Structure formats: C-alpha cells, structure tokens
C-alpha cells in the first residue's frame, strides 16, 4: 500500500484524465493542469468509498487559464 495521500475529485470537466489523484498534503487544494489551464479542487468534509479505499472528496471550484 502506498503512503501517498489521495483524493476523489468531483465536478469540473468531464474529460479529466483521472478522478483519483495524489494530494500535496491532506487538506490542501488540488490543482490539475488541463487544456492550457488549471482546474482547482477544494477539500470537503465528505469521504467516498472507491476502488482505492475510503478517500476524501474534493470539489471543483474554479478554472484558471495559463498565461500566454
């Protein structure tokens, strides 16, 4: 079993490559690079049972564009 903290992402673009992702530190926001921008997810108080065990749920809250 890995020691890397993971989270389940909810919301945001349907074409996200992964819905279960590593998190930088428990409780920190997650930023996913996608299509010349970033999708931002915030932690919630919820958890969900997944194929990788019970994980915290992070919800999409905004997209930012890359400069240029």
C-alpha atoms as a PDB file:
ATOM      1  CA  UNK A   1       0.000   0.000   0.000  1.00  0.00           C
ATOM      2  CA  UNK A   2       1.273   3.494  -0.889  1.00  0.00           C
ATOM      3  CA  UNK A   3       1.843   6.221   1.705  1.00  0.00           C
ATOM      4  CA  UNK A   4       0.787   8.899  -0.804  1.00  0.00           C
ATOM      5  CA  UNK A   5      -2.372  10.712   0.242  1.00  0.00           C
ATOM      6  CA  UNK A   6      -5.067  10.552  -2.430  1.00  0.00           C
ATOM      7  CA  UNK A   7      -8.431  12.193  -3.026  1.00  0.00           C
ATOM      8  CA  UNK A   8     -11.523  11.689  -5.173  1.00  0.00           C
ATOM      9  CA  UNK A   9     -12.330  14.648  -7.436  1.00  0.00           C
ATOM     10  CA  UNK A  10     -15.957  15.671  -8.049  1.00  0.00           C
ATOM     11  CA  UNK A  11     -17.235  18.160 -10.589  1.00  0.00           C
ATOM     12  CA  UNK A  12     -15.207  20.063 -13.135  1.00  0.00           C
ATOM     13  CA  UNK A  13     -14.644  18.964 -16.731  1.00  0.00           C
ATOM     14  CA  UNK A  14     -15.930  15.554 -17.756  1.00  0.00           C
ATOM     15  CA  UNK A  15     -12.690  14.796 -19.588  1.00  0.00           C
ATOM     16  CA  UNK A  16     -10.362  14.905 -16.579  1.00  0.00           C
ATOM     17  CA  UNK A  17      -7.868  12.085 -17.142  1.00  0.00           C
ATOM     18  CA  UNK A  18      -8.117  10.855 -13.522  1.00  0.00           C
ATOM     19  CA  UNK A  19     -10.670  11.203 -10.732  1.00  0.00           C
ATOM     20  CA  UNK A  20      -8.461   9.702  -8.020  1.00  0.00           C
ATOM     21  CA  UNK A  21      -5.327  11.800  -7.636  1.00  0.00           C
ATOM     22  CA  UNK A  22      -2.471  12.361  -5.176  1.00  0.00           C
ATOM     23  CA  UNK A  23      -2.823  15.423  -2.941  1.00  0.00           C
ATOM     24  CA  UNK A  24       0.137  17.630  -1.939  1.00  0.00           C
ATOM     25  CA  UNK A  25      -0.845  17.439   1.754  1.00  0.00           C
ATOM     26  CA  UNK A  26      -4.128  16.461   3.387  1.00  0.00           C
ATOM     27  CA  UNK A  27      -6.453  19.471   3.386  1.00  0.00           C
ATOM     28  CA  UNK A  28      -4.522  21.403   0.700  1.00  0.00           C
ATOM     29  CA  UNK A  29      -6.240  22.404  -2.553  1.00  0.00           C
ATOM     30  CA  UNK A  30      -5.535  20.288  -5.652  1.00  0.00           C
ATOM     31  CA  UNK A  31      -4.630  21.901  -8.990  1.00  0.00           C
ATOM     32  CA  UNK A  32      -4.858  19.801 -12.173  1.00  0.00           C
ATOM     33  CA  UNK A  33      -3.355  21.013 -15.470  1.00  0.00           C
ATOM     34  CA  UNK A  34      -5.797  20.593 -18.361  1.00  0.00           C
ATOM     35  CA  UNK A  35      -6.194  22.258 -21.774  1.00  0.00           C
ATOM     36  CA  UNK A  36      -3.919  25.286 -21.244  1.00  0.00           C
ATOM     37  CA  UNK A  37      -5.272  25.969 -17.778  1.00  0.00           C
ATOM     38  CA  UNK A  38      -5.729  24.593 -14.297  1.00  0.00           C
ATOM     39  CA  UNK A  39      -8.774  23.027 -12.664  1.00  0.00           C
ATOM     40  CA  UNK A  40      -8.912  23.789  -8.935  1.00  0.00           C
ATOM     41  CA  UNK A  41     -10.469  21.480  -6.342  1.00  0.00           C
ATOM     42  CA  UNK A  42     -11.067  22.167  -2.640  1.00  0.00           C
ATOM     43  CA  UNK A  43     -11.429  19.624   0.154  1.00  0.00           C
ATOM     44  CA  UNK A  44     -14.867  18.896   1.592  1.00  0.00           C
ATOM     45  CA  UNK A  45     -15.905  17.202   4.839  1.00  0.00           C
ATOM     46  CA  UNK A  46     -17.120  14.184   2.839  1.00  0.00           C
ATOM     47  CA  UNK A  47     -15.465  10.843   2.073  1.00  0.00           C
ATOM     48  CA  UNK A  48     -16.300   8.236  -0.552  1.00  0.00           C
ATOM     49  CA  UNK A  49     -15.629   4.518  -0.903  1.00  0.00           C
ATOM     50  CA  UNK A  50     -13.522   3.924  -4.039  1.00  0.00           C
ATOM     51  CA  UNK A  51     -11.580   1.008  -5.534  1.00  0.00           C
ATOM     52  CA  UNK A  52      -8.551   2.509  -3.705  1.00  0.00           C
ATOM     53  CA  UNK A  53     -10.296   2.647  -0.337  1.00  0.00           C
ATOM     54  CA  UNK A  54     -12.154   5.384   1.508  1.00  0.00           C
ATOM     55  CA  UNK A  55     -10.901   8.745   0.234  1.00  0.00           C
ATOM     56  CA  UNK A  56     -11.638  12.394   0.981  1.00  0.00           C
ATOM     57  CA  UNK A  57     -13.796  14.146  -1.615  1.00  0.00           C
ATOM     58  CA  UNK A  58     -12.536  17.326  -3.269  1.00  0.00           C
ATOM     59  CA  UNK A  59     -14.973  19.519  -5.229  1.00  0.00           C
ATOM     60  CA  UNK A  60     -14.195  21.599  -8.286  1.00  0.00           C
ATOM     61  CA  UNK A  61     -14.468  25.331  -7.619  1.00  0.00           C
ATOM     62  CA  UNK A  62     -12.719  27.206 -10.447  1.00  0.00           C
ATOM     63  CA  UNK A  63     -10.606  27.156 -13.584  1.00  0.00           C
ATOM     64  CA  UNK A  64      -7.678  29.468 -14.257  1.00  0.00           C
ATOM     65  CA  UNK A  65      -6.005  29.992 -17.636  1.00  0.00           C
ATOM     66  CA  UNK A  66      -2.252  29.737 -18.189  1.00  0.00           C
ATOM     67  CA  UNK A  67      -0.605  32.985 -19.271  1.00  0.00           C
ATOM     68  CA  UNK A  68       0.251  33.399 -22.906  1.00  0.00           C
END
